[in-house]
């Protein structure tokens, strides 16, 4: 069986789907897509007709949008092959969920959902993974807790945060390959970090602390939609850790607006409880969750940014 997977490339939730697919299936091709790159990537497969070569096609931690959504919805050869699993509130709109091959679920009895947890449940229902495999089960739960911030808000589970730190240290390929090896190893009865992985995590934590201290001197404070924003130019990989640093140290801001020129996006994270950043991202053509969202830095966005940054109080 040939499987094609399109998944989010920005964090361990997107990576989790590539890892689970590689454990469940013998032959997997996966495409790691940026938040705003999915349509272009899927259309490439559709236009050259290579998408028809696959038996199953999954989209995880992202959702299909027009024009490619309509093309697939009207293609009988594809609708039976394609399954979409997403957990972003933006895509609970009926124009997406009316399609039987799209599942958008925000929460269940365990708590908030993530792409990996939804895909894992599907693979269990299809008997493609062993439901009694505790290593896989814990890997999925650690991923879910980190992506939903339940690791901090409910469980205070440092192990979940460390899994994300390990991803940052290893990069895409290194993380995916290591996790596939871990989850396939029958000797592993629980999910643990070995001595070398622990060194990588600890070294990375030291780097993160230094970076956070560096960025705190670069914050620009502005009012956006009646809220106090802490705006800072960053390297994208530090976005989650910097936002957490702001929260833990009670910085005087409602949310942080982190401009990452390397991938060309702005990442938003709420710093105070009860603050929703999704409306801010949507104002600039973005999307996401209430506590974490993003938008691309388009030419129009650049002009808006310049106006915000140069506007006198």
Protein backbone atom coordinates (compact mmCIF):
# COMPACT_ATOMS: atom_id res chain seq x y z
CA UNK A 1 0.00 0.00 0.00
CA UNK A 2 1.40 3.39 -1.04
CA UNK A 3 0.64 6.26 1.34
CA UNK A 4 1.01 9.99 0.71
CA UNK A 5 0.96 12.29 3.73
CA UNK A 6 0.85 16.08 3.83
CA UNK A 7 1.55 17.36 7.33
CA UNK A 8 2.53 20.54 9.18
CA UNK A 9 6.28 21.08 9.41
CA UNK A 10 6.48 23.68 12.16
CA UNK A 11 6.36 21.56 15.32
CA UNK A 12 6.26 18.10 16.87
CA UNK A 13 2.56 17.74 16.15
CA UNK A 14 3.14 17.79 12.41
CA UNK A 15 6.19 15.55 12.82
CA UNK A 16 4.17 13.10 14.91
CA UNK A 17 1.95 12.29 11.95
CA UNK A 18 4.91 11.55 9.66
CA UNK A 19 6.32 9.29 12.38
CA UNK A 20 3.07 7.39 13.00
CA UNK A 21 2.50 6.90 9.27
CA UNK A 22 6.02 5.51 8.87
CA UNK A 23 5.39 3.05 11.71
CA UNK A 24 1.96 1.99 10.44
CA UNK A 25 2.71 1.65 6.71
CA UNK A 26 5.51 0.07 4.70
CA UNK A 27 5.69 2.69 1.95
CA UNK A 28 5.15 6.32 2.93
CA UNK A 29 5.89 9.56 1.11
CA UNK A 30 5.47 12.58 3.35
CA UNK A 31 5.50 16.26 2.51
CA UNK A 32 6.26 18.71 5.33
CA UNK A 33 4.25 21.86 4.63
CA UNK A 34 4.33 25.33 6.12
CA UNK A 35 1.08 26.76 7.48
CA UNK A 36 0.33 28.57 4.22
CA UNK A 37 2.02 26.18 1.75
CA UNK A 38 -0.38 23.22 1.75
CA UNK A 39 -2.49 24.22 -1.26
CA UNK A 40 0.56 24.79 -3.44
CA UNK A 41 2.14 21.48 -2.40
CA UNK A 42 -0.99 19.38 -2.93
CA UNK A 43 -1.69 21.07 -6.28
CA UNK A 44 1.76 20.02 -7.50
CA UNK A 45 0.79 16.36 -7.02
CA UNK A 46 -2.66 16.98 -8.49
CA UNK A 47 -1.46 18.79 -11.61
CA UNK A 48 1.18 16.20 -12.53
CA UNK A 49 -1.36 13.45 -11.67
CA UNK A 50 1.08 11.66 -9.34
CA UNK A 51 -1.53 11.97 -6.58
CA UNK A 52 -3.43 9.14 -8.29
CA UNK A 53 -0.52 6.76 -7.74
CA UNK A 54 -1.25 6.47 -4.02
CA UNK A 55 -3.71 4.17 -2.25
CA UNK A 56 -4.25 6.48 0.73
CA UNK A 57 -3.74 10.22 1.00
CA UNK A 58 -3.70 11.93 4.38
CA UNK A 59 -3.62 15.60 5.37
CA UNK A 60 -2.83 16.09 9.05
CA UNK A 61 -2.57 19.09 11.37
CA UNK A 62 -3.64 21.18 8.37
CA UNK A 63 -6.83 21.48 6.33
CA UNK A 64 -7.43 21.60 2.60
CA UNK A 65 -8.69 24.91 1.26
CA UNK A 66 -9.92 26.10 -2.12
CA UNK A 67 -9.08 25.83 -4.92
CA UNK A 68 -7.60 22.36 -4.28
CA UNK A 69 -10.39 21.41 -1.84
CA UNK A 70 -13.06 21.77 -4.52
CA UNK A 71 -10.96 19.88 -7.05
CA UNK A 72 -10.59 16.91 -4.72
CA UNK A 73 -14.20 17.04 -3.53
CA UNK A 74 -15.37 16.77 -7.15
CA UNK A 75 -12.94 13.99 -8.08
CA UNK A 76 -14.47 10.58 -7.37
CA UNK A 77 -11.12 8.88 -7.77
CA UNK A 78 -9.74 10.87 -4.86
CA UNK A 79 -12.56 11.40 -2.38
CA UNK A 80 -12.40 7.76 -1.29
CA UNK A 81 -8.64 7.95 -0.77
CA UNK A 82 -8.28 11.31 0.98
CA UNK A 83 -8.68 11.81 4.73
CA UNK A 84 -8.06 15.11 6.53
CA UNK A 85 -7.47 15.38 10.29
CA UNK A 86 -7.22 18.85 11.81
CA UNK A 87 -7.89 20.58 15.14
CA UNK A 88 -7.78 24.31 14.36
CA UNK A 89 -10.90 26.34 15.12
CA UNK A 90 -10.58 28.19 11.81
CA UNK A 91 -11.62 25.02 10.00
CA UNK A 92 -14.74 24.20 12.04
CA UNK A 93 -16.61 26.28 9.47
CA UNK A 94 -19.22 24.11 7.63
CA UNK A 95 -17.61 24.94 4.27
CA UNK A 96 -14.85 22.56 5.36
CA UNK A 97 -16.63 20.06 7.61
CA UNK A 98 -19.44 19.41 5.11
CA UNK A 99 -17.02 17.15 3.28
CA UNK A 100 -17.11 13.60 4.63
CA UNK A 101 -13.35 13.15 4.21
CA UNK A 102 -12.55 16.10 6.51
CA UNK A 103 -12.53 15.63 10.28
CA UNK A 104 -11.97 18.72 12.40
CA UNK A 105 -12.15 18.03 16.13
CA UNK A 106 -11.07 20.44 18.87
CA UNK A 107 -11.41 18.23 21.93
CA UNK A 108 -12.52 14.87 23.27
CA UNK A 109 -12.72 13.08 26.62
CA UNK A 110 -8.92 13.32 27.07
CA UNK A 111 -8.82 17.08 26.55
CA UNK A 112 -7.81 19.25 23.59
CA UNK A 113 -6.98 17.36 20.40
CA UNK A 114 -3.95 17.75 18.17
CA UNK A 115 -3.24 16.44 14.69
CA UNK A 116 -1.17 13.54 15.99
CA UNK A 117 -3.82 12.39 18.49
CA UNK A 118 -6.55 12.49 15.82
CA UNK A 119 -4.43 10.58 13.31
CA UNK A 120 -3.42 8.06 16.00
CA UNK A 121 -7.08 7.39 16.81
CA UNK A 122 -7.79 6.80 13.12
CA UNK A 123 -4.88 4.36 12.80
CA UNK A 124 -6.12 2.46 15.87
CA UNK A 125 -9.64 2.26 14.44
CA UNK A 126 -8.18 0.87 11.20
CA UNK A 127 -6.12 -1.68 13.19
CA UNK A 128 -2.94 -0.24 11.71
CA UNK A 129 -1.25 0.31 15.09
CA UNK A 130 -1.19 -1.79 18.25
CA UNK A 131 -3.43 -0.12 20.84
CA UNK A 132 -1.44 -1.85 23.61
CA UNK A 133 1.90 -0.35 22.56
CA UNK A 134 2.67 1.90 25.54
CA UNK A 135 5.66 3.56 23.84
CA UNK A 136 3.55 4.84 20.96
CA UNK A 137 0.72 5.77 23.29
CA UNK A 138 2.99 7.90 25.49
CA UNK A 139 4.67 9.50 22.47
CA UNK A 140 1.26 10.59 21.18
CA UNK A 141 0.21 11.93 24.58
CA UNK A 142 3.45 13.88 25.07
CA UNK A 143 2.93 15.39 21.63
CA UNK A 144 -0.70 16.25 22.38
CA UNK A 145 0.13 17.87 25.70
CA UNK A 146 2.81 20.05 24.15
CA UNK A 147 0.76 21.15 21.17
CA UNK A 148 -2.23 22.10 23.33
CA UNK A 149 -0.12 23.57 26.16
CA UNK A 150 -1.74 21.13 28.59
CA UNK A 151 1.83 20.15 29.50
CA UNK A 152 2.01 23.48 31.33
CA UNK A 153 -1.61 24.42 32.03
CA UNK A 154 -2.73 21.07 33.48
CA UNK A 155 0.06 18.51 33.91
CA UNK A 156 3.24 20.56 34.41
CA UNK A 157 4.89 17.80 32.38
CA UNK A 158 8.48 18.82 31.60
CA UNK A 159 8.98 15.62 29.60
CA UNK A 160 6.52 16.88 27.00
CA UNK A 161 8.42 20.15 26.65
CA UNK A 162 11.68 18.21 26.39
CA UNK A 163 10.34 16.23 23.45
CA UNK A 164 9.84 19.51 21.58
CA UNK A 165 13.29 20.69 22.62
CA UNK A 166 14.77 17.47 21.21
CA UNK A 167 13.04 18.20 17.89
CA UNK A 168 14.57 21.67 17.81
CA UNK A 169 17.99 20.16 18.50
CA UNK A 170 17.75 17.43 15.86
CA UNK A 171 15.82 19.12 13.06
CA UNK A 172 13.17 17.51 10.83
CA UNK A 173 14.95 14.44 9.48
CA UNK A 174 16.93 13.69 12.63
CA UNK A 175 13.81 13.85 14.82
CA UNK A 176 11.60 11.80 12.51
CA UNK A 177 14.20 9.08 12.01
CA UNK A 178 14.99 8.85 15.72
CA UNK A 179 11.33 8.62 16.74
CA UNK A 180 10.55 5.98 14.11
CA UNK A 181 13.43 3.90 15.47
CA UNK A 182 12.24 4.39 19.06
CA UNK A 183 8.63 3.46 18.32
CA UNK A 184 9.55 0.42 16.25
CA UNK A 185 11.98 -0.96 18.84
CA UNK A 186 10.18 -3.84 20.54
CA UNK A 187 12.56 -3.63 23.50
CA UNK A 188 11.14 -0.22 24.46
CA UNK A 189 8.24 -0.76 26.84
CA UNK A 190 7.92 2.92 27.75
CA UNK A 191 8.94 6.17 26.09
CA UNK A 192 12.23 7.38 27.59
CA UNK A 193 15.17 9.58 26.61
CA UNK A 194 18.56 7.85 26.55
CA UNK A 195 21.80 9.40 27.84
CA UNK A 196 22.79 11.00 24.53
CA UNK A 197 19.32 12.47 24.01
CA UNK A 198 19.41 13.87 27.54
CA UNK A 199 22.70 15.66 26.78
CA UNK A 200 21.18 17.17 23.63
CA UNK A 201 18.12 18.35 25.58
CA UNK A 202 20.15 19.87 28.41
CA UNK A 203 22.49 21.67 26.01
CA UNK A 204 19.53 23.00 24.09
CA UNK A 205 17.89 24.27 27.29
CA UNK A 206 21.01 26.31 28.03
CA UNK A 207 20.93 27.80 24.52
CA UNK A 208 17.24 28.67 24.91
CA UNK A 209 17.84 30.45 28.21
CA UNK A 210 20.57 32.58 26.66
CA UNK A 211 18.40 33.41 23.65
CA UNK A 212 15.45 34.41 25.82
CA UNK A 213 17.65 36.76 27.82
CA UNK A 214 18.90 38.27 24.56
CA UNK A 215 15.40 38.84 23.16
CA UNK A 216 14.07 40.51 26.30
CA UNK A 217 16.16 43.59 25.50
CA UNK A 218 14.66 43.84 22.01
CA UNK A 219 10.93 44.06 22.81
CA UNK A 220 8.85 46.85 21.24
CA UNK A 221 5.56 47.50 23.04
CA UNK A 222 2.53 48.57 20.96
CA UNK A 223 -1.25 48.51 21.31
CA UNK A 224 -3.11 46.26 18.84
CA UNK A 225 -6.90 45.71 18.99
CA UNK A 226 -6.95 47.32 22.43
CA UNK A 227 -4.34 44.92 23.83
CA UNK A 228 -0.69 45.40 24.75
CA UNK A 229 1.57 43.54 22.35
CA UNK A 230 5.21 42.71 22.97
CA UNK A 231 6.72 42.73 19.48
CA UNK A 232 10.12 41.16 18.87
CA UNK A 233 12.12 39.97 15.86
CA UNK A 234 13.20 36.37 16.44
CA UNK A 235 14.57 33.21 14.90
CA UNK A 236 11.44 31.11 14.35
CA UNK A 237 12.60 28.04 16.27
CA UNK A 238 12.53 29.97 19.57
CA UNK A 239 8.91 31.14 19.33
CA UNK A 240 7.33 28.74 21.84
CA UNK A 241 10.11 28.91 24.39
CA UNK A 242 10.24 32.71 24.27
CA UNK A 243 6.48 32.98 24.76
CA UNK A 244 6.72 30.61 27.72
CA UNK A 245 9.55 32.71 29.15
CA UNK A 246 7.34 35.81 28.92
CA UNK A 247 4.52 33.99 30.70
CA UNK A 248 6.63 32.56 33.48
CA UNK A 249 8.32 35.89 34.18
CA UNK A 250 5.06 37.85 33.99
CA UNK A 251 6.13 40.34 31.33
CA UNK A 252 3.83 43.36 31.01
CA UNK A 253 2.09 42.33 27.78
CA UNK A 254 -1.17 40.67 26.82
CA UNK A 255 0.39 38.74 23.96
CA UNK A 256 3.62 38.53 22.06
CA UNK A 257 3.92 39.17 18.35
CA UNK A 258 7.10 37.44 17.16
CA UNK A 259 8.31 38.39 13.69
CA UNK A 260 10.36 35.59 12.12
CA UNK A 261 11.87 36.68 8.84
CA UNK A 262 13.58 33.32 8.20
CA UNK A 263 10.34 31.50 7.21
CA UNK A 264 8.50 34.78 6.58
CA UNK A 265 5.79 34.53 9.23
CA UNK A 266 4.57 36.28 12.36
CA UNK A 267 3.83 34.00 15.33
CA UNK A 268 1.41 35.12 18.04
CA UNK A 269 1.19 33.65 21.53
CA UNK A 270 -1.02 34.76 24.40
CA UNK A 271 0.92 35.72 27.52
CA UNK A 272 -1.95 36.54 29.87
CA UNK A 273 -4.84 34.17 30.60
CA UNK A 274 -8.02 34.89 28.69
CA UNK A 275 -6.27 36.67 25.82
CA UNK A 276 -7.07 35.32 22.33
CA UNK A 277 -4.52 35.96 19.58
CA UNK A 278 -6.37 34.31 16.69
CA UNK A 279 -8.34 37.52 15.91
CA UNK A 280 -5.05 39.43 15.66
CA UNK A 281 -3.61 36.87 13.24
CA UNK A 282 -6.81 36.91 11.19
CA UNK A 283 -6.59 40.70 10.98
CA UNK A 284 -3.34 40.18 9.08
CA UNK A 285 -4.53 37.26 6.92
CA UNK A 286 -3.55 34.48 9.31
CA UNK A 287 -5.18 31.69 11.29
CA UNK A 288 -4.66 29.34 14.22
CA UNK A 289 -5.79 28.77 17.80
CA UNK A 290 -6.95 31.27 20.42
CA UNK A 291 -3.64 31.05 22.28
CA UNK A 292 -1.33 30.42 19.32
CA UNK A 293 -1.70 31.67 15.77
CA UNK A 294 0.32 32.83 12.78
CA UNK A 295 0.16 34.81 9.56
CA UNK A 296 2.43 35.09 6.52
CA UNK A 297 4.49 38.22 5.96
CA UNK A 298 2.99 39.32 2.67
CA UNK A 299 3.78 42.64 1.04
CA UNK A 300 0.55 44.04 2.49
CA UNK A 301 1.50 42.70 5.91
CA UNK A 302 4.91 44.35 5.67
CA UNK A 303 3.23 47.73 5.17
CA UNK A 304 0.95 47.16 8.15
CA UNK A 305 3.92 46.08 10.27
CA UNK A 306 5.89 49.16 9.35
CA UNK A 307 2.94 51.35 10.30
CA UNK A 308 2.59 49.62 13.67
CA UNK A 309 6.31 49.73 14.44
CA UNK A 310 6.85 53.37 13.43
CA UNK A 311 3.63 54.79 14.83
CA UNK A 312 4.25 57.11 17.75
CA UNK A 313 2.39 56.50 20.99
